[in-house]
Amino acid sequence: MERCTYGEFITNKIADIPYSQAFQTDVIAEAMAEEYKVPIHKAKPITNVTLKRLSDRGVIERFQKGVYYRAKQTVFGKARPSEELIEAQLLTRRGDEIIGYETGFSLMNKLGLTTQVPKKREIATNAYRKNIDDRFIIVRKPVVTVNAGNFRYLQLLDVIKDLPDAPVDAENPKALLRNFAEKNSLDTVQVLTYARQHYPQKTLLNLVDVLVER
């Protein structure tokens, strides 16, 4: 079977990315370099040229330098994600890698712990040094490097840590937190270990109180 060209590889790679999911040029270039065993300095210009051509043809949309996304065509035109959503994606994902997660009051609102809608979304991310427009997002430094295996644990523990200072108006917040842990199949020993290693003693005690049904 004849191997596809660089351009075909990049096009196929992008076709696997969900609509409205932002992706970075560097990530595509790294994938191409790995697939064809070529130096990254060779893969980057090829990727840049290919993505520009796809953008010119309307296959993808350019968000900012080095960042693109696929816009879905609808009867009302192209459905484009908001700037806030794309900024959040860039802080939480790098290709298939999880590098951050939503936290703080915005996560509490999504979990049903509070009906108050915060003005800004809070993101804990390995890319916490990245300069972003603070109209939309508050960036936090995570307590430990974020990955696919730990981000749900860190979300739960962040919420428990922040809960005393939050405008919680849910009838049974502990039940909502237990439901989050069960829904995401969080291991009790692991979450207790993360709490003991990376969070204040009070968070550990409050976690135990959440996990023990009464």
N, C-alpha and C. Protein backbone atom coordinates (compact mmCIF):
# COMPACT_ATOMS: atom_id res chain seq x y z
N MET A 1 0.84 -1.20 0.00
CA MET A 1 0.00 0.00 0.00
C MET A 1 0.88 1.25 0.00
N GLU A 2 0.59 2.17 -0.89
CA GLU A 2 1.40 3.38 -1.01
C GLU A 2 1.15 4.30 0.18
N ARG A 3 2.24 4.81 0.73
CA ARG A 3 2.14 5.68 1.88
C ARG A 3 1.60 7.04 1.46
N CYS A 4 0.76 7.64 2.32
CA CYS A 4 0.19 8.95 1.97
C CYS A 4 1.25 10.04 2.07
N THR A 5 1.03 11.12 1.36
CA THR A 5 1.96 12.25 1.36
C THR A 5 1.85 13.00 2.69
N TYR A 6 2.79 13.93 2.91
CA TYR A 6 2.75 14.75 4.12
C TYR A 6 1.41 15.49 4.21
N GLY A 7 1.02 16.09 3.09
CA GLY A 7 -0.22 16.86 3.07
C GLY A 7 -1.43 15.99 3.38
N GLU A 8 -1.46 14.78 2.83
CA GLU A 8 -2.57 13.86 3.10
C GLU A 8 -2.59 13.44 4.56
N PHE A 9 -1.39 13.20 5.12
CA PHE A 9 -1.31 12.83 6.54
C PHE A 9 -1.87 13.93 7.42
N ILE A 10 -1.47 15.18 7.15
CA ILE A 10 -1.94 16.31 7.96
C ILE A 10 -3.45 16.48 7.81
N THR A 11 -3.95 16.37 6.59
CA THR A 11 -5.39 16.50 6.35
C THR A 11 -6.17 15.41 7.08
N ASN A 12 -5.67 14.18 7.04
CA ASN A 12 -6.33 13.07 7.73
C ASN A 12 -6.28 13.26 9.24
N LYS A 13 -5.16 13.78 9.72
CA LYS A 13 -5.00 14.02 11.16
C LYS A 13 -6.03 15.03 11.64
N ILE A 14 -6.22 16.09 10.88
CA ILE A 14 -7.18 17.13 11.23
C ILE A 14 -8.61 16.61 11.17
N ALA A 15 -8.87 15.72 10.21
CA ALA A 15 -10.22 15.18 10.05
C ALA A 15 -10.66 14.40 11.29
N ASP A 16 -9.70 13.92 12.08
CA ASP A 16 -10.02 13.17 13.30
C ASP A 16 -10.31 14.09 14.49
N ILE A 17 -10.02 15.38 14.33
CA ILE A 17 -10.24 16.33 15.42
C ILE A 17 -11.71 16.76 15.41
N PRO A 18 -12.39 16.73 16.57
CA PRO A 18 -13.80 17.12 16.60
C PRO A 18 -14.00 18.58 16.16
N TYR A 19 -15.18 18.87 15.64
CA TYR A 19 -15.51 20.24 15.28
C TYR A 19 -15.42 21.13 16.51
N SER A 20 -14.94 22.35 16.29
CA SER A 20 -14.82 23.38 17.33
C SER A 20 -13.72 23.09 18.35
N GLN A 21 -12.96 22.00 18.14
CA GLN A 21 -11.83 21.70 19.02
C GLN A 21 -10.58 22.38 18.49
N ALA A 22 -10.01 23.29 19.26
CA ALA A 22 -8.81 24.00 18.83
C ALA A 22 -7.63 23.03 18.79
N PHE A 23 -6.72 23.27 17.83
CA PHE A 23 -5.49 22.48 17.79
C PHE A 23 -4.34 23.39 17.40
N GLN A 24 -3.16 23.00 17.83
CA GLN A 24 -1.98 23.84 17.62
C GLN A 24 -1.11 23.26 16.51
N THR A 25 -0.51 24.17 15.76
CA THR A 25 0.36 23.77 14.66
C THR A 25 1.48 22.85 15.14
N ASP A 26 2.08 23.19 16.28
CA ASP A 26 3.20 22.40 16.80
C ASP A 26 2.80 20.95 17.04
N VAL A 27 1.58 20.73 17.53
CA VAL A 27 1.13 19.36 17.82
C VAL A 27 1.03 18.55 16.54
N ILE A 28 0.48 19.15 15.49
CA ILE A 28 0.36 18.46 14.20
C ILE A 28 1.75 18.19 13.63
N ALA A 29 2.65 19.16 13.74
CA ALA A 29 4.01 19.00 13.23
C ALA A 29 4.74 17.88 13.96
N GLU A 30 4.56 17.81 15.27
CA GLU A 30 5.20 16.75 16.06
C GLU A 30 4.68 15.37 15.65
N ALA A 31 3.37 15.28 15.37
CA ALA A 31 2.79 14.01 14.94
C ALA A 31 3.36 13.59 13.58
N MET A 32 3.52 14.56 12.69
CA MET A 32 4.07 14.26 11.38
C MET A 32 5.54 13.84 11.48
N ALA A 33 6.28 14.53 12.32
CA ALA A 33 7.70 14.21 12.50
C ALA A 33 7.87 12.79 13.05
N GLU A 34 6.99 12.43 13.97
CA GLU A 34 7.06 11.08 14.54
C GLU A 34 6.67 10.02 13.52
N GLU A 35 5.62 10.29 12.75
CA GLU A 35 5.12 9.32 11.77
C GLU A 35 6.14 9.05 10.66
N TYR A 36 6.79 10.12 10.17
CA TYR A 36 7.70 9.98 9.03
C TYR A 36 9.18 9.98 9.43
N LYS A 37 9.42 10.05 10.74
CA LYS A 37 10.79 10.04 11.26
C LYS A 37 11.64 11.13 10.59
N VAL A 38 11.07 12.35 10.55
CA VAL A 38 11.78 13.49 10.01
C VAL A 38 12.04 14.49 11.14
N PRO A 39 13.07 15.34 11.02
CA PRO A 39 13.34 16.32 12.07
C PRO A 39 12.17 17.30 12.20
N ILE A 40 11.95 17.77 13.41
CA ILE A 40 10.84 18.68 13.66
C ILE A 40 11.03 19.98 12.89
N HIS A 41 12.27 20.40 12.68
CA HIS A 41 12.51 21.65 11.94
C HIS A 41 12.12 21.51 10.47
N LYS A 42 12.02 20.28 9.99
CA LYS A 42 11.53 20.05 8.64
C LYS A 42 10.02 19.93 8.62
N ALA A 43 9.48 19.32 9.66
CA ALA A 43 8.03 19.09 9.73
C ALA A 43 7.25 20.39 9.92
N LYS A 44 7.80 21.33 10.68
CA LYS A 44 7.06 22.56 11.01
C LYS A 44 6.71 23.40 9.79
N PRO A 45 7.66 23.71 8.89
CA PRO A 45 7.29 24.53 7.73
C PRO A 45 6.30 23.83 6.80
N ILE A 46 6.42 22.51 6.68
CA ILE A 46 5.47 21.76 5.85
C ILE A 46 4.08 21.85 6.46
N THR A 47 4.02 21.71 7.77
CA THR A 47 2.74 21.81 8.47
C THR A 47 2.14 23.21 8.34
N ASN A 48 2.97 24.22 8.52
CA ASN A 48 2.49 25.60 8.42
C ASN A 48 1.88 25.89 7.05
N VAL A 49 2.57 25.46 5.99
CA VAL A 49 2.09 25.69 4.63
C VAL A 49 0.79 24.93 4.38
N THR A 50 0.74 23.68 4.83
CA THR A 50 -0.46 22.85 4.61
C THR A 50 -1.67 23.42 5.34
N LEU A 51 -1.47 23.85 6.59
CA LEU A 51 -2.58 24.40 7.36
C LEU A 51 -3.07 25.72 6.76
N LYS A 52 -2.15 26.52 6.27
CA LYS A 52 -2.57 27.78 5.63
C LYS A 52 -3.42 27.49 4.39
N ARG A 53 -3.00 26.50 3.60
CA ARG A 53 -3.78 26.15 2.41
C ARG A 53 -5.17 25.64 2.78
N LEU A 54 -5.24 24.83 3.83
CA LEU A 54 -6.55 24.33 4.28
C LEU A 54 -7.41 25.46 4.80
N SER A 55 -6.78 26.43 5.45
CA SER A 55 -7.51 27.59 5.95
C SER A 55 -8.02 28.44 4.80
N ASP A 56 -7.19 28.63 3.79
CA ASP A 56 -7.59 29.42 2.62
C ASP A 56 -8.77 28.76 1.89
N ARG A 57 -8.83 27.43 1.94
CA ARG A 57 -9.92 26.70 1.29
C ARG A 57 -11.16 26.61 2.17
N GLY A 58 -11.06 27.06 3.43
CA GLY A 58 -12.20 27.03 4.33
C GLY A 58 -12.40 25.71 5.04
N VAL A 59 -11.42 24.81 4.93
CA VAL A 59 -11.52 23.51 5.61
C VAL A 59 -11.36 23.69 7.12
N ILE A 60 -10.45 24.59 7.51
CA ILE A 60 -10.24 24.94 8.91
C ILE A 60 -10.25 26.45 9.04
N GLU A 61 -10.36 26.91 10.28
CA GLU A 61 -10.36 28.35 10.56
C GLU A 61 -9.16 28.69 11.45
N ARG A 62 -8.56 29.85 11.20
CA ARG A 62 -7.44 30.31 12.02
C ARG A 62 -7.97 31.13 13.19
N PHE A 63 -7.56 30.78 14.40
CA PHE A 63 -7.96 31.54 15.58
C PHE A 63 -6.92 32.60 15.91
N GLN A 64 -5.68 32.17 15.92
CA GLN A 64 -4.56 33.08 16.13
C GLN A 64 -3.32 32.37 15.58
N LYS A 65 -2.19 33.01 15.63
CA LYS A 65 -0.98 32.40 15.09
C LYS A 65 -0.74 31.04 15.74
N GLY A 66 -0.64 30.03 14.89
CA GLY A 66 -0.34 28.68 15.39
C GLY A 66 -1.51 27.93 15.96
N VAL A 67 -2.72 28.50 15.88
CA VAL A 67 -3.91 27.84 16.45
C VAL A 67 -5.04 27.86 15.44
N TYR A 68 -5.62 26.68 15.20
CA TYR A 68 -6.73 26.54 14.25
C TYR A 68 -7.85 25.72 14.89
N TYR A 69 -8.98 25.67 14.22
CA TYR A 69 -10.08 24.80 14.64
C TYR A 69 -10.93 24.47 13.42
N ARG A 70 -11.72 23.42 13.53
CA ARG A 70 -12.65 23.04 12.46
C ARG A 70 -14.02 23.65 12.77
N ALA A 71 -14.53 24.43 11.86
CA ALA A 71 -15.86 25.04 12.03
C ALA A 71 -16.89 24.20 11.28
N LYS A 72 -17.96 23.84 11.95
CA LYS A 72 -19.00 23.02 11.32
C LYS A 72 -19.95 23.88 10.51
N GLN A 73 -20.23 23.44 9.29
CA GLN A 73 -21.15 24.16 8.41
C GLN A 73 -22.59 23.83 8.79
N THR A 74 -23.42 24.85 9.02
CA THR A 74 -24.83 24.65 9.33
C THR A 74 -25.67 25.46 8.34
N VAL A 75 -26.97 25.33 8.44
CA VAL A 75 -27.85 26.09 7.55
C VAL A 75 -27.75 27.59 7.81
N PHE A 76 -27.20 27.96 8.97
CA PHE A 76 -27.05 29.37 9.32
C PHE A 76 -25.62 29.86 9.06
N GLY A 77 -24.80 29.02 8.46
CA GLY A 77 -23.40 29.37 8.23
C GLY A 77 -22.49 28.52 9.09
N LYS A 78 -21.25 28.93 9.22
CA LYS A 78 -20.29 28.16 10.01
C LYS A 78 -20.49 28.41 11.50
N ALA A 79 -20.54 27.31 12.25
CA ALA A 79 -20.68 27.40 13.71
C ALA A 79 -19.29 27.53 14.31
N ARG A 80 -18.99 28.70 14.82
CA ARG A 80 -17.66 28.96 15.37
C ARG A 80 -17.70 28.97 16.89
N PRO A 81 -16.72 28.36 17.54
CA PRO A 81 -16.67 28.38 19.01
C PRO A 81 -16.32 29.78 19.51
N SER A 82 -16.68 30.07 20.73
CA SER A 82 -16.36 31.37 21.31
C SER A 82 -14.87 31.45 21.63
N GLU A 83 -14.38 32.68 21.76
CA GLU A 83 -12.98 32.88 22.14
C GLU A 83 -12.71 32.25 23.50
N GLU A 84 -13.67 32.37 24.41
CA GLU A 84 -13.50 31.81 25.74
C GLU A 84 -13.30 30.30 25.68
N LEU A 85 -14.12 29.63 24.86
CA LEU A 85 -14.03 28.18 24.74
C LEU A 85 -12.68 27.77 24.17
N ILE A 86 -12.21 28.47 23.14
CA ILE A 86 -10.93 28.12 22.53
C ILE A 86 -9.79 28.36 23.50
N GLU A 87 -9.83 29.48 24.21
CA GLU A 87 -8.78 29.75 25.20
C GLU A 87 -8.74 28.65 26.25
N ALA A 88 -9.92 28.22 26.70
CA ALA A 88 -10.00 27.15 27.69
C ALA A 88 -9.43 25.85 27.13
N GLN A 89 -9.72 25.55 25.87
CA GLN A 89 -9.20 24.34 25.23
C GLN A 89 -7.68 24.36 25.17
N LEU A 90 -7.11 25.51 24.86
CA LEU A 90 -5.66 25.62 24.75
C LEU A 90 -4.99 25.43 26.10
N LEU A 91 -5.71 25.71 27.16
CA LEU A 91 -5.16 25.56 28.51
C LEU A 91 -5.41 24.18 29.10
N THR A 92 -6.32 23.42 28.50
CA THR A 92 -6.66 22.11 29.07
C THR A 92 -6.21 20.93 28.22
N ARG A 93 -5.92 21.17 26.93
CA ARG A 93 -5.50 20.08 26.05
C ARG A 93 -4.33 20.51 25.18
N ARG A 94 -3.48 19.54 24.92
CA ARG A 94 -2.43 19.74 23.91
C ARG A 94 -2.41 18.48 23.07
N GLY A 95 -3.09 18.56 21.92
CA GLY A 95 -3.30 17.34 21.15
C GLY A 95 -4.21 16.40 21.93
N ASP A 96 -3.78 15.17 22.11
CA ASP A 96 -4.56 14.20 22.89
C ASP A 96 -4.21 14.22 24.36
N GLU A 97 -3.30 15.10 24.75
CA GLU A 97 -2.80 15.16 26.12
C GLU A 97 -3.62 16.13 26.97
N ILE A 98 -4.00 15.71 28.16
CA ILE A 98 -4.69 16.59 29.11
C ILE A 98 -3.65 17.36 29.89
N ILE A 99 -3.74 18.70 29.85
CA ILE A 99 -2.76 19.52 30.57
C ILE A 99 -3.43 20.46 31.58
N GLY A 100 -4.74 20.42 31.68
CA GLY A 100 -5.43 21.30 32.62
C GLY A 100 -6.87 20.90 32.78
N TYR A 101 -7.58 21.60 33.66
CA TYR A 101 -8.98 21.28 33.94
C TYR A 101 -9.70 22.50 34.51
N GLU A 102 -11.00 22.52 34.33
CA GLU A 102 -11.80 23.60 34.91
C GLU A 102 -11.90 23.40 36.41
N THR A 103 -11.90 24.49 37.14
CA THR A 103 -11.94 24.41 38.60
C THR A 103 -12.68 25.64 39.14
N GLY A 104 -12.63 25.85 40.46
CA GLY A 104 -13.21 27.04 41.05
C GLY A 104 -14.72 27.14 40.97
N PHE A 105 -15.22 28.37 41.07
CA PHE A 105 -16.67 28.59 41.13
C PHE A 105 -17.37 28.20 39.83
N SER A 106 -16.66 28.33 38.69
CA SER A 106 -17.30 27.95 37.42
C SER A 106 -17.57 26.45 37.38
N LEU A 107 -16.67 25.65 37.93
CA LEU A 107 -16.90 24.20 38.01
C LEU A 107 -18.02 23.90 39.00
N MET A 108 -18.02 24.60 40.12
CA MET A 108 -19.08 24.39 41.11
C MET A 108 -20.46 24.66 40.53
N ASN A 109 -20.54 25.68 39.68
CA ASN A 109 -21.81 25.98 39.03
C ASN A 109 -22.24 24.84 38.12
N LYS A 110 -21.30 24.27 37.38
CA LYS A 110 -21.61 23.17 36.48
C LYS A 110 -22.01 21.90 37.25
N LEU A 111 -21.46 21.74 38.44
CA LEU A 111 -21.79 20.57 39.26
C LEU A 111 -23.10 20.75 40.02
N GLY A 112 -23.67 21.95 39.97
CA GLY A 112 -24.93 22.20 40.65
C GLY A 112 -24.78 22.60 42.10
N LEU A 113 -23.56 22.93 42.52
CA LEU A 113 -23.32 23.31 43.91
C LEU A 113 -23.77 24.75 44.18
N THR A 114 -23.74 25.57 43.14
CA THR A 114 -24.18 26.95 43.28
C THR A 114 -24.93 27.38 42.02
N THR A 115 -25.94 28.20 42.20
CA THR A 115 -26.68 28.71 41.05
C THR A 115 -26.06 30.00 40.52
N GLN A 116 -25.12 30.56 41.27
CA GLN A 116 -24.47 31.78 40.82
C GLN A 116 -23.51 31.46 39.66
N VAL A 117 -23.60 32.27 38.62
CA VAL A 117 -22.75 32.07 37.44
C VAL A 117 -21.59 33.06 37.50
N PRO A 118 -20.37 32.59 37.66
CA PRO A 118 -19.22 33.51 37.75
C PRO A 118 -18.94 34.19 36.42
N LYS A 119 -18.32 35.35 36.48
CA LYS A 119 -18.01 36.09 35.26
C LYS A 119 -16.88 35.44 34.46
N LYS A 120 -16.01 34.74 35.16
CA LYS A 120 -14.85 34.14 34.51
C LYS A 120 -14.76 32.64 34.81
N ARG A 121 -14.23 31.92 33.85
CA ARG A 121 -13.98 30.49 34.02
C ARG A 121 -12.59 30.33 34.64
N GLU A 122 -12.47 29.42 35.60
CA GLU A 122 -11.17 29.18 36.23
C GLU A 122 -10.57 27.89 35.68
N ILE A 123 -9.29 27.95 35.32
CA ILE A 123 -8.59 26.81 34.76
C ILE A 123 -7.29 26.59 35.52
N ALA A 124 -7.09 25.38 36.01
CA ALA A 124 -5.80 24.98 36.58
C ALA A 124 -5.06 24.26 35.46
N THR A 125 -3.85 24.69 35.16
CA THR A 125 -3.17 24.18 33.96
C THR A 125 -1.66 24.14 34.10
N ASN A 126 -1.05 23.18 33.43
CA ASN A 126 0.40 23.14 33.36
C ASN A 126 0.94 24.35 32.60
N ALA A 127 0.09 24.96 31.76
CA ALA A 127 0.48 26.14 30.97
C ALA A 127 0.11 27.42 31.72
N TYR A 128 0.25 27.41 33.03
CA TYR A 128 -0.19 28.56 33.85
C TYR A 128 0.64 29.82 33.57
N ARG A 129 1.80 29.66 32.95
CA ARG A 129 2.61 30.84 32.63
C ARG A 129 2.17 31.50 31.32
N LYS A 130 1.28 30.86 30.59
CA LYS A 130 0.82 31.38 29.30
C LYS A 130 0.07 32.69 29.48
N ASN A 131 0.39 33.66 28.66
CA ASN A 131 -0.32 34.94 28.70
C ASN A 131 -1.64 34.82 27.96
N ILE A 132 -2.74 35.12 28.64
CA ILE A 132 -4.05 35.04 28.01
C ILE A 132 -4.83 36.31 28.31
N ASP A 133 -5.90 36.49 27.56
CA ASP A 133 -6.79 37.63 27.77
C ASP A 133 -7.65 37.33 29.00
N ASP A 134 -7.49 38.13 30.06
CA ASP A 134 -8.19 37.81 31.30
C ASP A 134 -9.65 38.26 31.31
N ARG A 135 -10.19 38.60 30.14
CA ARG A 135 -11.62 38.90 30.08
C ARG A 135 -12.45 37.67 30.38
N PHE A 136 -11.91 36.50 30.08
CA PHE A 136 -12.69 35.29 30.14
C PHE A 136 -12.25 34.31 31.23
N ILE A 137 -10.96 34.26 31.51
CA ILE A 137 -10.41 33.13 32.26
C ILE A 137 -9.47 33.58 33.37
N ILE A 138 -9.55 32.88 34.49
CA ILE A 138 -8.58 33.00 35.57
C ILE A 138 -7.73 31.74 35.53
N VAL A 139 -6.41 31.90 35.46
CA VAL A 139 -5.51 30.76 35.37
C VAL A 139 -4.92 30.46 36.75
N ARG A 140 -4.97 29.19 37.12
CA ARG A 140 -4.37 28.75 38.38
C ARG A 140 -3.19 27.83 38.11
N LYS A 141 -2.22 27.85 38.98
CA LYS A 141 -1.15 26.86 38.95
C LYS A 141 -1.65 25.61 39.67
N PRO A 142 -1.60 24.45 39.04
CA PRO A 142 -2.09 23.24 39.71
C PRO A 142 -1.15 22.81 40.84
N VAL A 143 -1.66 22.04 41.76
CA VAL A 143 -0.85 21.59 42.89
C VAL A 143 0.18 20.56 42.46
N VAL A 144 -0.08 19.91 41.32
CA VAL A 144 0.82 18.91 40.77
C VAL A 144 0.60 18.89 39.26
N THR A 145 1.57 18.42 38.50
CA THR A 145 1.43 18.37 37.05
C THR A 145 0.18 17.60 36.65
N VAL A 146 -0.63 18.21 35.79
CA VAL A 146 -1.93 17.63 35.40
C VAL A 146 -1.74 16.62 34.27
N ASN A 147 -2.47 15.53 34.35
CA ASN A 147 -2.49 14.56 33.26
C ASN A 147 -3.86 13.89 33.21
N ALA A 148 -4.04 13.00 32.24
CA ALA A 148 -5.34 12.36 32.05
C ALA A 148 -5.73 11.49 33.24
N GLY A 149 -4.73 11.00 33.96
CA GLY A 149 -5.01 10.10 35.07
C GLY A 149 -5.37 10.78 36.37
N ASN A 150 -5.06 12.08 36.50
CA ASN A 150 -5.29 12.71 37.80
C ASN A 150 -6.24 13.91 37.79
N PHE A 151 -6.62 14.40 36.61
CA PHE A 151 -7.33 15.69 36.61
C PHE A 151 -8.69 15.63 37.28
N ARG A 152 -9.39 14.51 37.19
CA ARG A 152 -10.68 14.40 37.87
C ARG A 152 -10.51 14.39 39.39
N TYR A 153 -9.46 13.76 39.86
CA TYR A 153 -9.17 13.76 41.30
C TYR A 153 -8.89 15.18 41.78
N LEU A 154 -8.11 15.90 40.99
CA LEU A 154 -7.76 17.27 41.36
C LEU A 154 -8.97 18.19 41.32
N GLN A 155 -9.87 17.96 40.36
CA GLN A 155 -11.10 18.74 40.32
C GLN A 155 -11.89 18.57 41.61
N LEU A 156 -12.08 17.33 42.01
CA LEU A 156 -12.84 17.05 43.24
C LEU A 156 -12.18 17.72 44.45
N LEU A 157 -10.88 17.57 44.56
CA LEU A 157 -10.18 18.10 45.74
C LEU A 157 -10.15 19.64 45.73
N ASP A 158 -10.01 20.24 44.55
CA ASP A 158 -10.07 21.70 44.47
C ASP A 158 -11.41 22.21 44.96
N VAL A 159 -12.48 21.55 44.53
CA VAL A 159 -13.82 21.98 44.93
C VAL A 159 -13.98 21.86 46.44
N ILE A 160 -13.54 20.76 47.01
CA ILE A 160 -13.66 20.56 48.46
C ILE A 160 -12.85 21.61 49.21
N LYS A 161 -11.67 21.94 48.67
CA LYS A 161 -10.83 22.97 49.31
C LYS A 161 -11.50 24.34 49.27
N ASP A 162 -12.13 24.66 48.13
CA ASP A 162 -12.72 25.99 47.94
C ASP A 162 -14.13 26.12 48.51
N LEU A 163 -14.74 25.00 48.85
CA LEU A 163 -16.15 24.98 49.23
C LEU A 163 -16.50 25.92 50.39
N PRO A 164 -15.69 26.02 51.44
CA PRO A 164 -16.06 26.90 52.56
C PRO A 164 -16.23 28.36 52.18
N ASP A 165 -15.55 28.80 51.12
CA ASP A 165 -15.62 30.21 50.70
C ASP A 165 -16.55 30.42 49.51
N ALA A 166 -17.27 29.38 49.10
CA ALA A 166 -18.12 29.47 47.91
C ALA A 166 -19.57 29.74 48.28
N PRO A 167 -20.30 30.40 47.38
CA PRO A 167 -21.73 30.67 47.63
C PRO A 167 -22.60 29.44 47.33
N VAL A 168 -22.37 28.38 48.08
CA VAL A 168 -23.08 27.11 47.84
C VAL A 168 -24.53 27.24 48.27
N ASP A 169 -25.45 26.88 47.39
CA ASP A 169 -26.87 26.91 47.74
C ASP A 169 -27.57 25.59 47.38
N ALA A 170 -26.78 24.56 47.08
CA ALA A 170 -27.36 23.24 46.80
C ALA A 170 -27.90 22.63 48.08
N GLU A 171 -28.96 21.86 47.97
CA GLU A 171 -29.58 21.26 49.15
C GLU A 171 -28.67 20.23 49.81
N ASN A 172 -27.96 19.44 48.99
CA ASN A 172 -27.09 18.40 49.53
C ASN A 172 -25.78 18.37 48.75
N PRO A 173 -24.86 19.29 49.04
CA PRO A 173 -23.61 19.37 48.29
C PRO A 173 -22.75 18.11 48.40
N LYS A 174 -22.77 17.47 49.55
CA LYS A 174 -21.96 16.25 49.72
C LYS A 174 -22.42 15.16 48.77
N ALA A 175 -23.72 15.04 48.58
CA ALA A 175 -24.25 14.03 47.66
C ALA A 175 -23.82 14.32 46.23
N LEU A 176 -23.77 15.60 45.85
CA LEU A 176 -23.33 15.98 44.51
C LEU A 176 -21.86 15.63 44.30
N LEU A 177 -21.06 15.83 45.34
CA LEU A 177 -19.64 15.52 45.24
C LEU A 177 -19.41 14.01 45.19
N ARG A 178 -20.18 13.26 45.98
CA ARG A 178 -20.07 11.80 45.92
C ARG A 178 -20.49 11.29 44.54
N ASN A 179 -21.51 11.90 43.99
CA ASN A 179 -21.97 11.51 42.67
C ASN A 179 -20.87 11.79 41.62
N PHE A 180 -20.17 12.92 41.75
CA PHE A 180 -19.07 13.23 40.84
C PHE A 180 -17.99 12.16 40.94
N ALA A 181 -17.65 11.76 42.17
CA ALA A 181 -16.62 10.75 42.37
C ALA A 181 -17.03 9.41 41.77
N GLU A 182 -18.29 9.04 41.97
CA GLU A 182 -18.78 7.77 41.44
C GLU A 182 -18.88 7.79 39.92
N LYS A 183 -19.38 8.88 39.39
CA LYS A 183 -19.54 9.01 37.93
C LYS A 183 -18.20 8.89 37.21
N ASN A 184 -17.14 9.40 37.83
CA ASN A 184 -15.82 9.38 37.21
C ASN A 184 -14.95 8.23 37.72
N SER A 185 -15.58 7.29 38.44
CA SER A 185 -14.90 6.08 38.94
C SER A 185 -13.61 6.41 39.69
N LEU A 186 -13.70 7.40 40.58
CA LEU A 186 -12.52 7.79 41.33
C LEU A 186 -12.24 6.77 42.44
N ASP A 187 -10.99 6.36 42.51
CA ASP A 187 -10.56 5.38 43.52
C ASP A 187 -10.39 6.08 44.87
N THR A 188 -11.02 5.55 45.90
CA THR A 188 -11.00 6.19 47.22
C THR A 188 -9.59 6.32 47.76
N VAL A 189 -8.79 5.27 47.65
CA VAL A 189 -7.42 5.31 48.17
C VAL A 189 -6.61 6.37 47.43
N GLN A 190 -6.79 6.44 46.11
CA GLN A 190 -6.03 7.40 45.31
C GLN A 190 -6.40 8.83 45.65
N VAL A 191 -7.69 9.11 45.79
CA VAL A 191 -8.10 10.48 46.09
C VAL A 191 -7.63 10.89 47.49
N LEU A 192 -7.63 9.96 48.42
CA LEU A 192 -7.12 10.25 49.76
C LEU A 192 -5.61 10.51 49.71
N THR A 193 -4.91 9.77 48.87
CA THR A 193 -3.46 9.95 48.72
C THR A 193 -3.14 11.33 48.15
N TYR A 194 -3.87 11.73 47.09
CA TYR A 194 -3.67 13.06 46.52
C TYR A 194 -3.95 14.14 47.56
N ALA A 195 -5.01 13.95 48.32
CA ALA A 195 -5.37 14.95 49.33
C ALA A 195 -4.27 15.07 50.39
N ARG A 196 -3.75 13.94 50.83
CA ARG A 196 -2.71 13.94 51.86
C ARG A 196 -1.41 14.55 51.35
N GLN A 197 -1.09 14.30 50.10
CA GLN A 197 0.20 14.74 49.55
C GLN A 197 0.20 16.20 49.09
N HIS A 198 -0.95 16.69 48.61
CA HIS A 198 -0.93 17.99 47.92
C HIS A 198 -1.88 19.05 48.46
N TYR A 199 -2.71 18.71 49.43
CA TYR A 199 -3.72 19.65 49.91
C TYR A 199 -3.61 19.85 51.42
N PRO A 200 -4.20 20.96 51.91
CA PRO A 200 -4.17 21.21 53.36
C PRO A 200 -4.87 20.10 54.14
N GLN A 201 -4.52 19.98 55.41
CA GLN A 201 -5.12 18.97 56.27
C GLN A 201 -6.64 19.11 56.34
N LYS A 202 -7.11 20.34 56.32
CA LYS A 202 -8.56 20.57 56.39
C LYS A 202 -9.26 19.98 55.18
N THR A 203 -8.63 20.06 54.00
CA THR A 203 -9.23 19.48 52.79
C THR A 203 -9.34 17.97 52.92
N LEU A 204 -8.31 17.35 53.48
CA LEU A 204 -8.33 15.90 53.70
C LEU A 204 -9.47 15.51 54.63
N LEU A 205 -9.65 16.27 55.71
CA LEU A 205 -10.72 15.96 56.66
C LEU A 205 -12.09 16.15 56.03
N ASN A 206 -12.23 17.22 55.25
CA ASN A 206 -13.51 17.46 54.58
C ASN A 206 -13.79 16.41 53.51
N LEU A 207 -12.74 15.91 52.86
CA LEU A 207 -12.89 14.83 51.88
C LEU A 207 -13.44 13.58 52.56
N VAL A 208 -12.88 13.23 53.69
CA VAL A 208 -13.36 12.06 54.43
C VAL A 208 -14.82 12.23 54.79
N ASP A 209 -15.19 13.43 55.18
CA ASP A 209 -16.58 13.71 55.53
C ASP A 209 -17.50 13.54 54.31
N VAL A 210 -17.01 13.92 53.13
CA VAL A 210 -17.79 13.77 51.90
C VAL A 210 -17.94 12.30 51.52
N LEU A 211 -16.86 11.55 51.65
CA LEU A 211 -16.87 10.15 51.20
C LEU A 211 -17.67 9.22 52.10
N VAL A 212 -17.78 9.61 53.38
CA VAL A 212 -18.53 8.78 54.32
C VAL A 212 -20.01 9.18 54.29
N GLU A 213 -20.84 8.31 53.78
CA GLU A 213 -22.28 8.59 53.72
C GLU A 213 -22.89 8.52 55.10
N ARG A 214 -23.83 9.44 55.36
CA ARG A 214 -24.51 9.45 56.66
C ARG A 214 -26.01 9.48 56.47
